[in-house]
PDB file of N, CA and C in Angstrom:
ATOM      1  N   MET A   1     -10.200 -27.096  49.446  1.00  0.00           N
ATOM      2  CA  MET A   1     -10.237 -27.894  48.525  1.00  0.00           C
ATOM      3  C   MET A   1      -9.122 -29.333  48.873  1.00  0.00           C
ATOM      4  N   PRO A   2     -10.112 -30.409  48.921  1.00  0.00           N
ATOM      5  CA  PRO A   2      -9.016 -31.563  49.376  1.00  0.00           C
ATOM      6  C   PRO A   2      -8.369 -32.130  48.270  1.00  0.00           C
ATOM      7  N   ALA A   3      -7.245 -32.614  48.710  1.00  0.00           N
ATOM      8  CA  ALA A   3      -6.198 -33.191  47.893  1.00  0.00           C
ATOM      9  C   ALA A   3      -6.897 -34.368  46.932  1.00  0.00           C
ATOM     10  N   MET A   4      -6.381 -34.517  45.696  1.00  0.00           N
ATOM     11  CA  MET A   4      -6.754 -35.530  44.985  1.00  0.00           C
ATOM     12  C   MET A   4      -6.559 -36.938  45.530  1.00  0.00           C
ATOM     13  N   SER A   5      -5.596 -37.216  46.290  1.00  0.00           N
ATOM     14  CA  SER A   5      -5.216 -38.504  47.066  1.00  0.00           C
ATOM     15  C   SER A   5      -5.910 -38.885  48.154  1.00  0.00           C
ATOM     16  N   ASP A   6      -6.792 -37.876  48.388  1.00  0.00           N
ATOM     17  CA  ASP A   6      -7.722 -38.410  49.564  1.00  0.00           C
ATOM     18  C   ASP A   6      -8.486 -39.610  49.502  1.00  0.00           C
ATOM     19  N   PRO A   7      -8.772 -40.472  50.157  1.00  0.00           N
ATOM     20  CA  PRO A   7      -9.497 -41.688  50.213  1.00  0.00           C
ATOM     21  C   PRO A   7     -11.111 -41.167  49.938  1.00  0.00           C
ATOM     22  N   LYS A   8     -11.873 -41.806  48.883  1.00  0.00           N
ATOM     23  CA  LYS A   8     -13.158 -41.816  48.980  1.00  0.00           C
ATOM     24  C   LYS A   8     -13.997 -42.412  50.036  1.00  0.00           C
ATOM     25  N   ASP A   9     -15.289 -42.135  49.970  1.00  0.00           N
ATOM     26  CA  ASP A   9     -16.383 -42.977  50.711  1.00  0.00           C
ATOM     27  C   ASP A   9     -16.473 -44.275  50.455  1.00  0.00           C
ATOM     28  N   THR A  10     -16.331 -44.480  49.003  1.00  0.00           N
ATOM     29  CA  THR A  10     -16.891 -45.885  48.703  1.00  0.00           C
ATOM     30  C   THR A  10     -15.626 -46.870  48.582  1.00  0.00           C
ATOM     31  N   PRO A  11     -15.584 -47.948  48.874  1.00  0.00           N
ATOM     32  CA  PRO A  11     -14.437 -49.028  48.750  1.00  0.00           C
ATOM     33  C   PRO A  11     -13.791 -48.941  47.158  1.00  0.00           C
ATOM     34  N   ALA A  12     -12.733 -48.958  46.931  1.00  0.00           N
ATOM     35  CA  ALA A  12     -11.895 -48.953  45.699  1.00  0.00           C
ATOM     36  C   ALA A  12     -12.403 -50.109  44.922  1.00  0.00           C
ATOM     37  N   ASP A  13     -12.463 -51.414  45.432  1.00  0.00           N
ATOM     38  CA  ASP A  13     -12.627 -52.614  44.659  1.00  0.00           C
ATOM     39  C   ASP A  13     -14.300 -52.956  44.702  1.00  0.00           C
ATOM     40  N   GLU A  14     -15.169 -52.073  44.456  1.00  0.00           N
ATOM     41  CA  GLU A  14     -16.434 -52.446  44.834  1.00  0.00           C
ATOM     42  C   GLU A  14     -16.874 -53.247  43.571  1.00  0.00           C
ATOM     43  N   HIS A  15     -16.432 -52.967  42.425  1.00  0.00           N
ATOM     44  CA  HIS A  15     -16.872 -53.701  41.122  1.00  0.00           C
ATOM     45  C   HIS A  15     -15.819 -54.645  40.633  1.00  0.00           C
ATOM     46  N   ALA A  16     -14.669 -54.773  41.203  1.00  0.00           N
ATOM     47  CA  ALA A  16     -13.681 -55.710  41.200  1.00  0.00           C
ATOM     48  C   ALA A  16     -14.132 -57.103  40.663  1.00  0.00           C
ATOM     49  N   PRO A  17     -14.998 -57.870  41.537  1.00  0.00           N
ATOM     50  CA  PRO A  17     -14.829 -59.134  41.178  1.00  0.00           C
ATOM     51  C   PRO A  17     -15.767 -59.482  39.894  1.00  0.00           C
ATOM     52  N   GLU A  18     -16.656 -58.665  39.521  1.00  0.00           N
ATOM     53  CA  GLU A  18     -17.680 -58.950  38.383  1.00  0.00           C
ATOM     54  C   GLU A  18     -16.675 -58.198  37.235  1.00  0.00           C
ATOM     55  N   HIS A  19     -15.555 -57.553  37.307  1.00  0.00           N
ATOM     56  CA  HIS A  19     -15.044 -57.405  36.268  1.00  0.00           C
ATOM     57  C   HIS A  19     -13.507 -58.075  35.870  1.00  0.00           C
ATOM     58  N   ALA A  20     -13.503 -58.909  36.823  1.00  0.00           N
ATOM     59  CA  ALA A  20     -12.290 -59.733  36.908  1.00  0.00           C
ATOM     60  C   ALA A  20     -12.064 -60.948  35.630  1.00  0.00           C
ATOM     61  N   PRO A  21     -10.983 -61.155  34.951  1.00  0.00           N
ATOM     62  CA  PRO A  21     -11.106 -62.084  33.821  1.00  0.00           C
ATOM     63  C   PRO A  21     -11.568 -63.297  34.132  1.00  0.00           C
ATOM     64  N   ALA A  22     -11.710 -63.874  35.263  1.00  0.00           N
ATOM     65  CA  ALA A  22     -11.876 -65.105  35.740  1.00  0.00           C
ATOM     66  C   ALA A  22     -13.277 -65.105  35.869  1.00  0.00           C
ATOM     67  N   ALA A  23     -14.133 -64.066  36.118  1.00  0.00           N
ATOM     68  CA  ALA A  23     -15.496 -63.906  36.143  1.00  0.00           C
ATOM     69  C   ALA A  23     -16.295 -64.287  34.893  1.00  0.00           C
ATOM     70  N   HIS A  24     -15.759 -64.114  33.622  1.00  0.00           N
ATOM     71  CA  HIS A  24     -16.266 -64.153  32.451  1.00  0.00           C
ATOM     72  C   HIS A  24     -15.496 -65.265  31.535  1.00  0.00           C
ATOM     73  N   GLY A  25     -14.527 -65.981  32.047  1.00  0.00           N
ATOM     74  CA  GLY A  25     -14.293 -67.326  31.417  1.00  0.00           C
ATOM     75  C   GLY A  25     -12.881 -66.414  30.695  1.00  0.00           C
ATOM     76  N   ALA A  26     -12.079 -67.584  30.148  1.00  0.00           N
ATOM     77  CA  ALA A  26     -10.843 -67.210  29.679  1.00  0.00           C
ATOM     78  C   ALA A  26     -11.046 -66.572  28.073  1.00  0.00           C
ATOM     79  N   HIS A  27     -12.108 -66.421  27.715  1.00  0.00           N
ATOM     80  CA  HIS A  27     -12.155 -65.720  26.109  1.00  0.00           C
ATOM     81  C   HIS A  27     -12.270 -64.457  26.249  1.00  0.00           C
ATOM     82  N   GLY A  28     -12.344 -63.900  27.474  1.00  0.00           N
ATOM     83  CA  GLY A  28     -12.807 -62.372  27.893  1.00  0.00           C
ATOM     84  C   GLY A  28     -13.910 -62.057  27.638  1.00  0.00           C
ATOM     85  N   HIS A  29     -14.280 -60.786  27.748  1.00  0.00           N
ATOM     86  CA  HIS A  29     -15.655 -60.254  27.733  1.00  0.00           C
ATOM     87  C   HIS A  29     -15.402 -58.687  27.438  1.00  0.00           C
ATOM     88  N   ASP A  30     -16.568 -58.334  26.719  1.00  0.00           N
ATOM     89  CA  ASP A  30     -17.006 -57.032  26.278  1.00  0.00           C
ATOM     90  C   ASP A  30     -17.751 -56.157  27.244  1.00  0.00           C
ATOM     91  N   GLU A  31     -17.083 -55.404  28.000  1.00  0.00           N
ATOM     92  CA  GLU A  31     -17.628 -54.888  29.073  1.00  0.00           C
ATOM     93  C   GLU A  31     -18.978 -53.837  28.498  1.00  0.00           C
ATOM     94  N   HIS A  32     -18.982 -53.508  27.345  1.00  0.00           N
ATOM     95  CA  HIS A  32     -19.844 -52.533  26.723  1.00  0.00           C
ATOM     96  C   HIS A  32     -21.149 -53.367  26.135  1.00  0.00           C
ATOM     97  N   GLY A  33     -21.079 -54.716  26.120  1.00  0.00           N
ATOM     98  CA  GLY A  33     -22.181 -55.426  25.823  1.00  0.00           C
ATOM     99  C   GLY A  33     -22.357 -55.741  24.364  1.00  0.00           C
ATOM    100  N   HIS A  34     -21.378 -55.528  23.543  1.00  0.00           N
ATOM    101  CA  HIS A  34     -21.699 -55.389  21.809  1.00  0.00           C
ATOM    102  C   HIS A  34     -20.955 -56.732  21.512  1.00  0.00           C
ATOM    103  N   ASP A  35     -21.978 -57.513  20.686  1.00  0.00           N
ATOM    104  CA  ASP A  35     -21.389 -58.678  19.903  1.00  0.00           C
ATOM    105  C   ASP A  35     -20.410 -58.546  19.104  1.00  0.00           C
ATOM    106  N   GLU A  36     -19.598 -59.606  18.573  1.00  0.00           N
ATOM    107  CA  GLU A  36     -18.569 -59.536  17.780  1.00  0.00           C
ATOM    108  C   GLU A  36     -19.165 -59.582  16.334  1.00  0.00           C
ATOM    109  N   GLU A  37     -19.071 -58.790  15.553  1.00  0.00           N
ATOM    110  CA  GLU A  37     -19.890 -58.775  14.220  1.00  0.00           C
ATOM    111  C   GLU A  37     -18.862 -59.506  13.071  1.00  0.00           C
ATOM    112  N   PRO A  38     -18.932 -60.213  12.400  1.00  0.00           N
ATOM    113  CA  PRO A  38     -18.304 -60.786  11.294  1.00  0.00           C
ATOM    114  C   PRO A  38     -17.726 -59.586  10.169  1.00  0.00           C
ATOM    115  N   LEU A  39     -16.740 -59.814   9.470  1.00  0.00           N
ATOM    116  CA  LEU A  39     -16.516 -58.942   8.511  1.00  0.00           C
ATOM    117  C   LEU A  39     -17.038 -59.274   7.378  1.00  0.00           C
ATOM    118  N   GLY A  40     -17.266 -58.174   6.680  1.00  0.00           N
ATOM    119  CA  GLY A  40     -18.388 -58.352   5.295  1.00  0.00           C
ATOM    120  C   GLY A  40     -17.210 -58.908   4.175  1.00  0.00           C
ATOM    121  N   PRO A  41     -17.974 -58.989   3.186  1.00  0.00           N
ATOM    122  CA  PRO A  41     -16.940 -59.218   1.938  1.00  0.00           C
ATOM    123  C   PRO A  41     -15.963 -57.978   1.611  1.00  0.00           C
ATOM    124  N   PRO A  42     -15.095 -58.116   1.022  1.00  0.00           N
ATOM    125  CA  PRO A  42     -14.347 -56.870   0.839  1.00  0.00           C
ATOM    126  C   PRO A  42     -14.896 -56.124  -0.311  1.00  0.00           C
ATOM    127  N   ASP A  43     -14.782 -54.767  -0.188  1.00  0.00           N
ATOM    128  CA  ASP A  43     -15.318 -53.958  -1.245  1.00  0.00           C
ATOM    129  C   ASP A  43     -14.397 -53.692  -2.485  1.00  0.00           C
ATOM    130  N   ILE A  44     -14.482 -54.354  -3.617  1.00  0.00           N
ATOM    131  CA  ILE A  44     -13.642 -54.569  -4.793  1.00  0.00           C
ATOM    132  C   ILE A  44     -13.489 -52.995  -5.339  1.00  0.00           C
ATOM    133  N   GLY A  45     -14.842 -52.559  -5.445  1.00  0.00           N
ATOM    134  CA  GLY A  45     -14.610 -51.119  -6.311  1.00  0.00           C
ATOM    135  C   GLY A  45     -13.636 -50.316  -5.325  1.00  0.00           C
ATOM    136  N   LEU A  46     -13.919 -50.234  -4.061  1.00  0.00           N
ATOM    137  CA  LEU A  46     -13.024 -49.380  -3.133  1.00  0.00           C
ATOM    138  C   LEU A  46     -11.557 -49.600  -3.455  1.00  0.00           C
ATOM    139  N   TRP A  47     -11.417 -50.897  -3.215  1.00  0.00           N
ATOM    140  CA  TRP A  47     -10.092 -51.501  -3.267  1.00  0.00           C
ATOM    141  C   TRP A  47      -9.517 -51.103  -4.628  1.00  0.00           C
ATOM    142  N   ALA A  48     -10.141 -51.120  -5.740  1.00  0.00           N
ATOM    143  CA  ALA A  48      -9.556 -50.833  -7.040  1.00  0.00           C
ATOM    144  C   ALA A  48      -9.494 -49.355  -7.379  1.00  0.00           C
ATOM    145  N   ALA A  49     -10.502 -48.429  -6.690  1.00  0.00           N
ATOM    146  CA  ALA A  49     -10.172 -47.123  -6.708  1.00  0.00           C
ATOM    147  C   ALA A  49      -8.918 -46.580  -6.010  1.00  0.00           C
ATOM    148  N   GLY A  50      -8.634 -47.180  -4.594  1.00  0.00           N
ATOM    149  CA  GLY A  50      -7.320 -47.171  -3.825  1.00  0.00           C
ATOM    150  C   GLY A  50      -6.127 -47.212  -4.690  1.00  0.00           C
ATOM    151  N   ILE A  51      -6.006 -48.553  -5.051  1.00  0.00           N
ATOM    152  CA  ILE A  51      -4.764 -49.097  -5.988  1.00  0.00           C
ATOM    153  C   ILE A  51      -4.708 -48.066  -7.065  1.00  0.00           C
ATOM    154  N   GLY A  52      -5.875 -47.613  -7.756  1.00  0.00           N
ATOM    155  CA  GLY A  52      -5.657 -46.741  -8.964  1.00  0.00           C
ATOM    156  C   GLY A  52      -5.104 -45.416  -8.723  1.00  0.00           C
ATOM    157  N   GLY A  53      -5.708 -45.056  -7.536  1.00  0.00           N
ATOM    158  CA  GLY A  53      -4.972 -43.686  -7.042  1.00  0.00           C
ATOM    159  C   GLY A  53      -3.427 -43.642  -6.776  1.00  0.00           C
ATOM    160  N   ILE A  54      -3.181 -44.714  -6.135  1.00  0.00           N
ATOM    161  CA  ILE A  54      -1.602 -44.761  -5.787  1.00  0.00           C
ATOM    162  C   ILE A  54      -0.952 -44.927  -7.161  1.00  0.00           C
ATOM    163  N   ALA A  55      -1.529 -45.814  -8.432  1.00  0.00           N
ATOM    164  CA  ALA A  55      -0.949 -45.664  -9.465  1.00  0.00           C
ATOM    165  C   ALA A  55      -0.657 -44.370 -10.253  1.00  0.00           C
ATOM    166  N   VAL A  56      -1.721 -43.428  -9.987  1.00  0.00           N
ATOM    167  CA  VAL A  56      -1.764 -42.176 -10.645  1.00  0.00           C
ATOM    168  C   VAL A  56      -0.867 -41.210  -9.757  1.00  0.00           C
ATOM    169  N   ALA A  57      -0.763 -41.462  -8.563  1.00  0.00           N
ATOM    170  CA  ALA A  57       0.318 -40.665  -7.767  1.00  0.00           C
ATOM    171  C   ALA A  57       1.648 -41.036  -8.222  1.00  0.00           C
ATOM    172  N   ILE A  58       1.963 -42.257  -8.604  1.00  0.00           N
ATOM    173  CA  ILE A  58       3.327 -42.729  -9.027  1.00  0.00           C
ATOM    174  C   ILE A  58       3.597 -42.252 -10.266  1.00  0.00           C
ATOM    175  N   VAL A  59       2.501 -42.194 -10.937  1.00  0.00           N
ATOM    176  CA  VAL A  59       2.975 -41.558 -12.441  1.00  0.00           C
ATOM    177  C   VAL A  59       2.972 -40.199 -12.365  1.00  0.00           C
ATOM    178  N   ILE A  60       2.249 -39.343 -11.632  1.00  0.00           N
ATOM    179  CA  ILE A  60       2.477 -37.900 -11.461  1.00  0.00           C
ATOM    180  C   ILE A  60       4.096 -37.767 -10.635  1.00  0.00           C
ATOM    181  N   ALA A  61       4.239 -38.479  -9.839  1.00  0.00           N
ATOM    182  CA  ALA A  61       5.389 -38.299  -9.143  1.00  0.00           C
ATOM    183  C   ALA A  61       6.613 -38.421 -10.417  1.00  0.00           C
ATOM    184  N   ALA A  62       6.512 -39.534 -10.933  1.00  0.00           N
ATOM    185  CA  ALA A  62       7.626 -39.885 -12.056  1.00  0.00           C
ATOM    186  C   ALA A  62       7.696 -38.759 -13.226  1.00  0.00           C
ATOM    187  N   CYS A  63       6.124 -37.989 -13.550  1.00  0.00           N
ATOM    188  CA  CYS A  63       6.399 -36.873 -14.582  1.00  0.00           C
ATOM    189  C   CYS A  63       6.916 -35.980 -13.695  1.00  0.00           C
ATOM    190  N   PHE A  64       6.800 -35.607 -12.650  1.00  0.00           N
ATOM    191  CA  PHE A  64       7.702 -34.349 -11.762  1.00  0.00           C
ATOM    192  C   PHE A  64       8.962 -34.626 -12.034  1.00  0.00           C
ATOM    193  N   ALA A  65       9.500 -35.838 -11.576  1.00  0.00           N
ATOM    194  CA  ALA A  65      10.957 -36.161 -11.467  1.00  0.00           C
ATOM    195  C   ALA A  65      11.547 -35.902 -12.977  1.00  0.00           C
ATOM    196  N   PHE A  66      10.768 -36.504 -13.917  1.00  0.00           N
ATOM    197  CA  PHE A  66      11.550 -36.267 -15.103  1.00  0.00           C
ATOM    198  C   PHE A  66      11.516 -34.855 -15.827  1.00  0.00           C
ATOM    199  N   SER A  67      10.440 -33.889 -15.565  1.00  0.00           N
ATOM    200  CA  SER A  67      10.408 -32.474 -15.837  1.00  0.00           C
ATOM    201  C   SER A  67      11.440 -31.866 -14.998  1.00  0.00           C
ATOM    202  N   THR A  68      11.788 -31.989 -13.745  1.00  0.00           N
ATOM    203  CA  THR A  68      12.948 -31.299 -13.244  1.00  0.00           C
ATOM    204  C   THR A  68      14.133 -31.933 -13.431  1.00  0.00           C
ATOM    205  N   GLY A  69      14.221 -32.950 -14.157  1.00  0.00           N
ATOM    206  CA  GLY A  69      15.692 -33.410 -14.570  1.00  0.00           C
ATOM    207  C   GLY A  69      16.338 -34.388 -13.257  1.00  0.00           C
ATOM    208  N   ALA A  70      15.491 -34.668 -12.313  1.00  0.00           N
ATOM    209  CA  ALA A  70      16.007 -35.647 -11.282  1.00  0.00           C
ATOM    210  C   ALA A  70      16.174 -37.380 -11.596  1.00  0.00           C
ATOM    211  N   LEU A  71      15.458 -37.488 -12.674  1.00  0.00           N
ATOM    212  CA  LEU A  71      15.886 -38.741 -13.305  1.00  0.00           C
ATOM    213  C   LEU A  71      16.350 -38.863 -14.630  1.00  0.00           C
TER     214      LEU A  71
END
């Protein structure tokens, strides 16, 4: 089995010029070809559910603390 550090048959920089930052301008380039998608509006219902869940967790923690005498 050859060592992993052996040179390959192809040159190491065969794709370097096309992937160089200067080849695509100063704004960068998505090499996978995806366009940037704008963010949609915030989902108010999901944010409300998340905040409500945090509030319920705080109430449960307070009840647990009062029942054990920690507060």
